[in-house]
Amino acid sequence: MPPLSVVVAGASGFLGSSLVAELRGRGHRVTTLVRRPADGPDESTWDPYAGVYDRAVVGAADVVVNLAGSPTLGNPHSEQWAQQLRDSRVTTTRVLAQAVAEAERRPAFLAGNGISYYGDHGAEVLTETADSRGDALLTRVTKEWQAAADPAVAAGARVVVLRTAPVMDHRAAPLKQLRLLFRAGLGGRLGSGRQHMAMISLHDWLGAVVHAAEHDTLAGPVNLCCPVTPTNAEFTRVLARELHRPAFATVPRAVLDKAAGAMAPELLGSLNVRPAALEAAGFVFRDRDVTAVLRAGLA
């Protein structure tokens, strides 16, 4: 296919920088949105909180990707952290959705989001048509985050909501921290361990997002997760095996509820998700289960 012109917000983060490299490696032209003076033609300055961006840059794009947002790793007992988590995602999405809607030749909009949208569903299998349940922090945030893309949807642009599961790679959270914990012999299951734990390898996440950029038939919510979602107990067993460490510990639910605060539902809730939309669109996963995902992430 001919090269695409892609605009990426959030390109300084681990996933954003990896995506920019992947897109350029496939021959696409990438412009990154930066919150400082632009350094060359491949950058464009913007200030989403002031609604400032170069309309010509967005208008000339084939695809706009938003991965901007403050880190999810932080103090789960802090209201300021929670507010920044929400505002950084909702504000950037809303500004870019409006920019896409106002463009004369509307680009596709790949709107970053999270798998926490669904909330705890126990063992129920979840595809993109499943409902959202509960009032957990990240579930609330992801619903507002998705709604912020509505201006682009209403304008008739192709919008893909990237419901991303934790990306397992040793260079970034959560696997970076978990690897250290397990290597110290402190790894173990969380609560009962029966809760399903969504994840995806970096290789498949990058491939899936590029697939969404390149295939104009894909639209709507898309689960970015491996096809076989493990339980926390299965994940614990495989990670311990791959690191050649024991994992006999168990962190009781009551301890997690208190220590993890607003993030406890993310550790104890169950998301047995499937990437139905991607598979229907012809995307082929390389790392289909927890063993493959962790081997790829630890390599």
Protein backbone atom coordinates (compact mmCIF):
# COMPACT_ATOMS: atom_id res chain seq x y z
CA MET A 1 0.00 0.00 0.00
CA PRO A 2 1.16 3.62 -0.52
CA PRO A 3 2.74 5.35 2.50
CA LEU A 4 0.32 6.93 4.95
CA SER A 5 0.72 10.31 6.58
CA VAL A 6 0.25 9.66 10.31
CA VAL A 7 0.06 12.15 13.18
CA VAL A 8 0.86 10.72 16.62
CA ALA A 9 0.16 12.33 20.00
CA GLY A 10 1.85 10.77 23.01
CA ALA A 11 4.91 9.78 21.00
CA SER A 12 7.33 10.31 23.90
CA GLY A 13 5.97 7.38 25.91
CA PHE A 14 7.07 3.76 25.60
CA LEU A 15 4.18 2.68 23.38
CA GLY A 16 4.15 5.92 21.41
CA SER A 17 7.86 5.87 20.60
CA SER A 18 7.65 2.18 19.69
CA LEU A 19 4.71 2.86 17.37
CA VAL A 20 6.47 5.76 15.65
CA ALA A 21 9.50 3.55 14.97
CA GLU A 22 7.26 0.75 13.66
CA LEU A 23 5.31 3.05 11.36
CA ARG A 24 8.45 4.62 9.95
CA GLY A 25 10.00 1.19 9.54
CA ARG A 26 7.03 0.26 7.34
CA GLY A 27 7.54 3.32 5.16
CA HIS A 28 4.84 5.60 6.59
CA ARG A 29 5.41 9.33 7.18
CA VAL A 30 4.98 10.28 10.83
CA THR A 31 4.56 13.68 12.45
CA THR A 32 4.65 13.73 16.25
CA LEU A 33 2.76 16.29 18.33
CA VAL A 34 5.04 17.78 20.99
CA ARG A 35 4.44 20.21 23.84
CA ARG A 36 7.60 22.26 23.19
CA PRO A 37 8.99 24.13 20.17
CA ALA A 38 9.07 21.74 17.20
CA ASP A 39 12.49 20.46 16.22
CA GLY A 40 12.23 19.85 12.50
CA PRO A 41 9.50 18.99 9.98
CA ASP A 42 8.61 15.70 11.68
CA GLU A 43 7.30 17.49 14.77
CA SER A 44 4.41 19.88 15.38
CA THR A 45 3.81 21.89 18.54
CA TRP A 46 0.46 21.64 20.31
CA ASP A 47 -1.10 22.51 23.66
CA PRO A 48 -4.22 20.39 24.15
CA TYR A 49 -5.22 22.21 27.35
CA ALA A 50 -5.32 25.49 25.45
CA GLY A 51 -6.85 23.88 22.36
CA VAL A 52 -3.82 24.91 20.30
CA TYR A 53 -2.62 22.76 17.39
CA ASP A 54 -1.73 23.15 13.71
CA ARG A 55 -4.94 22.51 11.79
CA ALA A 56 -3.02 22.06 8.57
CA VAL A 57 -1.03 19.17 10.06
CA VAL A 58 -4.18 17.32 11.16
CA GLY A 59 -5.98 18.15 7.94
CA ALA A 60 -3.18 16.71 5.81
CA ALA A 61 -3.03 13.43 7.74
CA ASP A 62 -4.45 10.09 6.65
CA VAL A 63 -4.50 8.84 10.24
CA VAL A 64 -4.35 10.56 13.64
CA VAL A 65 -3.34 8.44 16.65
CA ASN A 66 -3.78 9.59 20.25
CA LEU A 67 -1.72 7.78 22.90
CA ALA A 68 -1.30 10.80 25.19
CA GLY A 69 -1.98 10.44 28.89
CA SER A 70 -0.29 10.67 32.27
CA PRO A 71 1.20 7.43 33.70
CA THR A 72 -1.19 4.94 35.27
CA LEU A 73 1.59 4.11 37.72
CA GLY A 74 1.28 6.52 40.64
CA ASN A 75 -0.23 7.03 44.06
CA PRO A 76 -3.64 5.31 43.92
CA HIS A 77 -4.71 7.19 47.06
CA SER A 78 -4.09 10.60 45.47
CA GLU A 79 -7.07 12.54 44.11
CA GLN A 80 -4.67 14.73 42.11
CA TRP A 81 -3.15 11.66 40.41
CA ALA A 82 -6.63 10.35 39.57
CA GLN A 83 -7.70 13.72 38.15
CA GLN A 84 -4.57 13.98 35.99
CA LEU A 85 -5.13 10.40 34.81
CA ARG A 86 -8.61 11.35 33.63
CA ASP A 87 -7.96 14.85 32.29
CA SER A 88 -4.83 13.98 30.30
CA ARG A 89 -6.72 11.32 28.36
CA VAL A 90 -10.11 12.95 27.96
CA THR A 91 -8.78 16.40 27.04
CA THR A 92 -6.32 15.22 24.39
CA THR A 93 -8.89 12.91 22.83
CA ARG A 94 -11.56 15.59 22.74
CA VAL A 95 -9.24 18.15 21.12
CA LEU A 96 -8.05 15.72 18.44
CA ALA A 97 -11.55 14.39 17.79
CA GLN A 98 -12.75 17.93 17.18
CA ALA A 99 -9.73 18.58 14.95
CA VAL A 100 -10.55 15.48 12.90
CA ALA A 101 -14.21 16.50 12.71
CA GLU A 102 -13.32 19.97 11.40
CA ALA A 103 -10.80 18.77 8.81
CA GLU A 104 -11.91 19.13 5.19
CA ARG A 105 -10.63 15.64 4.36
CA ARG A 106 -11.28 13.80 7.60
CA PRO A 107 -8.45 11.47 8.64
CA ALA A 108 -9.08 8.23 10.47
CA PHE A 109 -8.81 8.61 14.25
CA LEU A 110 -7.20 5.86 16.34
CA ALA A 111 -8.21 6.82 19.87
CA GLY A 112 -6.19 5.27 22.68
CA ASN A 113 -8.22 3.62 25.42
CA GLY A 114 -8.03 0.78 27.96
CA ILE A 115 -9.38 -2.71 28.44
CA SER A 116 -10.68 -1.61 31.86
CA TYR A 117 -13.72 -0.25 30.01
CA TYR A 118 -15.58 -3.51 30.68
CA GLY A 119 -15.19 -3.72 34.45
CA ASP A 120 -15.28 -6.97 36.38
CA HIS A 121 -17.26 -9.65 34.49
CA GLY A 122 -15.95 -12.76 36.23
CA ALA A 123 -15.36 -15.66 33.85
CA GLU A 124 -17.70 -14.31 31.14
CA VAL A 125 -16.05 -14.10 27.72
CA LEU A 126 -15.91 -10.47 26.58
CA THR A 127 -15.82 -9.31 22.98
CA GLU A 128 -16.20 -5.71 21.84
CA THR A 129 -19.99 -5.92 22.15
CA ALA A 130 -19.90 -6.59 25.92
CA ASP A 131 -21.29 -3.98 28.31
CA SER A 132 -19.39 -1.86 30.82
CA ARG A 133 -19.97 -2.63 34.50
CA GLY A 134 -19.05 -1.18 37.85
CA ASP A 135 -17.68 2.11 39.11
CA ALA A 136 -13.94 1.42 39.32
CA LEU A 137 -11.69 4.39 38.58
CA LEU A 138 -10.24 3.13 35.29
CA THR A 139 -13.65 1.92 34.12
CA ARG A 140 -15.06 5.41 34.63
CA VAL A 141 -12.06 7.00 32.94
CA THR A 142 -12.18 4.74 29.89
CA LYS A 143 -15.88 5.46 29.35
CA GLU A 144 -15.29 9.22 29.41
CA TRP A 145 -12.18 8.71 27.29
CA GLN A 146 -14.19 6.90 24.64
CA ALA A 147 -17.00 9.45 24.72
CA ALA A 148 -14.45 12.21 24.07
CA ALA A 149 -13.97 10.79 20.56
CA ASP A 150 -17.66 11.34 19.72
CA PRO A 151 -17.15 14.54 17.67
CA ALA A 152 -15.09 12.57 15.15
CA VAL A 153 -17.66 9.78 15.07
CA ALA A 154 -20.51 12.25 14.57
CA ALA A 155 -18.62 13.90 11.70
CA GLY A 156 -18.40 10.57 9.89
CA ALA A 157 -14.68 9.91 10.39
CA ARG A 158 -13.44 6.35 10.77
CA VAL A 159 -12.78 6.02 14.51
CA VAL A 160 -11.05 3.03 16.09
CA VAL A 161 -11.12 2.86 19.90
CA LEU A 162 -7.95 1.05 21.00
CA ARG A 163 -8.99 -0.85 24.13
CA THR A 164 -5.47 -1.76 25.15
CA ALA A 165 -4.65 -4.47 27.69
CA PRO A 166 -1.39 -4.20 29.67
CA VAL A 167 1.48 -4.56 27.21
CA MET A 168 3.99 -7.05 28.60
CA ASP A 169 7.55 -5.92 27.91
CA HIS A 170 10.55 -5.95 30.25
CA ARG A 171 11.30 -2.30 29.44
CA ALA A 172 8.02 -0.93 30.78
CA ALA A 173 5.38 -1.38 33.45
CA PRO A 174 3.91 -3.69 34.55
CA LEU A 175 6.35 -6.43 33.54
CA LYS A 176 9.41 -4.37 34.43
CA GLN A 177 8.29 -4.19 38.08
CA LEU A 178 6.94 -7.74 38.18
CA ARG A 179 10.18 -9.19 36.85
CA LEU A 180 12.14 -7.55 39.67
CA LEU A 181 9.61 -8.74 42.25
CA PHE A 182 9.60 -12.34 41.02
CA ARG A 183 13.39 -12.46 40.69
CA ALA A 184 13.61 -11.42 44.34
CA GLY A 185 11.42 -14.40 45.21
CA LEU A 186 8.50 -12.17 46.22
CA GLY A 187 6.12 -13.06 43.40
CA GLY A 188 2.76 -14.66 44.00
CA ARG A 189 -0.86 -14.69 43.01
CA LEU A 190 -3.25 -11.88 43.88
CA GLY A 191 -6.26 -12.84 45.96
CA SER A 192 -7.79 -16.10 44.78
CA GLY A 193 -5.88 -15.93 41.49
CA ARG A 194 -9.04 -16.98 39.63
CA GLN A 195 -9.55 -13.55 38.05
CA HIS A 196 -8.72 -13.35 34.34
CA MET A 197 -5.82 -11.04 33.54
CA ALA A 198 -5.78 -9.42 30.10
CA MET A 199 -2.46 -8.76 28.36
CA ILE A 200 -0.73 -8.47 24.99
CA SER A 201 2.83 -8.57 23.71
CA LEU A 202 4.47 -5.44 22.33
CA HIS A 203 4.94 -7.19 18.97
CA ASP A 204 1.22 -7.89 18.63
CA TRP A 205 0.16 -4.49 20.00
CA LEU A 206 2.28 -2.72 17.40
CA GLY A 207 1.06 -5.01 14.64
CA ALA A 208 -2.56 -4.52 15.64
CA VAL A 209 -2.37 -0.71 15.75
CA VAL A 210 -0.60 -0.57 12.38
CA HIS A 211 -3.23 -2.99 11.02
CA ALA A 212 -5.94 -0.58 12.23
CA ALA A 213 -4.16 2.34 10.57
CA GLU A 214 -3.74 0.53 7.25
CA HIS A 215 -7.16 -1.14 6.94
CA ASP A 216 -10.03 1.27 6.47
CA THR A 217 -12.65 -1.42 7.07
CA LEU A 218 -11.81 -1.57 10.78
CA ALA A 219 -13.81 0.82 12.96
CA GLY A 220 -15.33 1.03 16.42
CA PRO A 221 -14.01 -0.53 19.64
CA VAL A 222 -11.12 -2.97 19.22
CA ASN A 223 -9.76 -5.21 21.99
CA LEU A 224 -5.97 -5.25 21.96
CA CYS A 225 -5.30 -8.40 23.96
CA CYS A 226 -3.97 -11.89 23.36
CA PRO A 227 -6.62 -14.38 22.17
CA VAL A 228 -6.31 -16.67 25.23
CA THR A 229 -6.61 -14.67 28.45
CA PRO A 230 -4.98 -16.36 31.47
CA THR A 231 -6.07 -16.24 35.08
CA ASN A 232 -3.80 -14.48 37.54
CA ALA A 233 -2.79 -17.87 38.95
CA GLU A 234 -1.78 -19.07 35.46
CA PHE A 235 0.16 -15.87 34.82
CA THR A 236 1.95 -16.22 38.15
CA ARG A 237 2.91 -19.82 37.46
CA VAL A 238 4.23 -19.08 33.97
CA LEU A 239 6.20 -15.97 34.98
CA ALA A 240 7.81 -17.84 37.88
CA ARG A 241 8.72 -20.70 35.55
CA GLU A 242 10.22 -18.39 32.91
CA LEU A 243 12.31 -16.62 35.57
CA HIS A 244 13.24 -19.88 37.32
CA ARG A 245 11.92 -18.63 40.64
CA PRO A 246 9.38 -19.97 43.13
CA ALA A 247 6.10 -18.11 43.56
CA PHE A 248 4.42 -19.44 46.66
CA ALA A 249 3.20 -16.15 48.10
CA THR A 250 -0.39 -14.98 48.05
CA VAL A 251 -1.45 -11.39 48.57
CA PRO A 252 -4.83 -11.48 50.36
CA ARG A 253 -7.72 -9.51 48.88
CA ALA A 254 -8.08 -7.43 52.06
CA VAL A 255 -4.45 -6.30 51.85
CA LEU A 256 -4.79 -5.38 48.17
CA ASP A 257 -8.01 -3.46 48.78
CA LYS A 258 -6.23 -1.29 51.33
CA ALA A 259 -2.80 -0.97 49.72
CA ALA A 260 -3.85 -0.50 46.08
CA GLY A 261 -6.72 1.88 46.77
CA ALA A 262 -8.40 3.00 43.54
CA MET A 263 -6.33 0.48 41.56
CA ALA A 264 -7.43 -2.58 43.56
CA PRO A 265 -10.25 -3.39 41.08
CA GLU A 266 -7.65 -3.61 38.31
CA LEU A 267 -5.76 -6.28 40.26
CA LEU A 268 -8.74 -8.24 41.54
CA GLY A 269 -11.34 -7.76 38.79
CA SER A 270 -11.69 -10.33 36.03
CA LEU A 271 -11.52 -9.49 32.31
CA ASN A 272 -11.77 -12.61 30.15
CA VAL A 273 -11.45 -10.64 26.90
CA ARG A 274 -11.13 -11.75 23.28
CA PRO A 275 -9.84 -9.70 20.28
CA ALA A 276 -12.86 -10.57 18.12
CA ALA A 277 -12.78 -7.42 15.97
CA LEU A 278 -9.11 -7.78 15.09
CA GLU A 279 -9.42 -11.46 14.22
CA ALA A 280 -12.50 -10.74 12.09
CA ALA A 281 -10.45 -8.09 10.28
CA GLY A 282 -7.79 -10.66 9.40
CA PHE A 283 -5.13 -9.78 11.96
CA VAL A 284 -2.99 -12.79 12.92
CA PHE A 285 -1.53 -12.85 16.42
CA ARG A 286 1.95 -14.22 16.97
CA ASP A 287 1.75 -14.41 20.78
CA ARG A 288 -1.60 -16.01 21.48
CA ASP A 289 -1.32 -17.07 25.14
CA VAL A 290 0.43 -16.16 28.37
CA THR A 291 3.49 -18.30 27.71
CA ALA A 292 4.11 -16.73 24.31
CA VAL A 293 3.39 -13.20 25.61
CA LEU A 294 5.79 -13.54 28.54
CA ARG A 295 8.55 -15.16 26.49
CA ALA A 296 8.32 -12.30 24.02
CA GLY A 297 8.22 -9.72 26.80
CA LEU A 298 11.17 -11.11 28.69
CA ALA A 299 13.37 -11.67 25.62
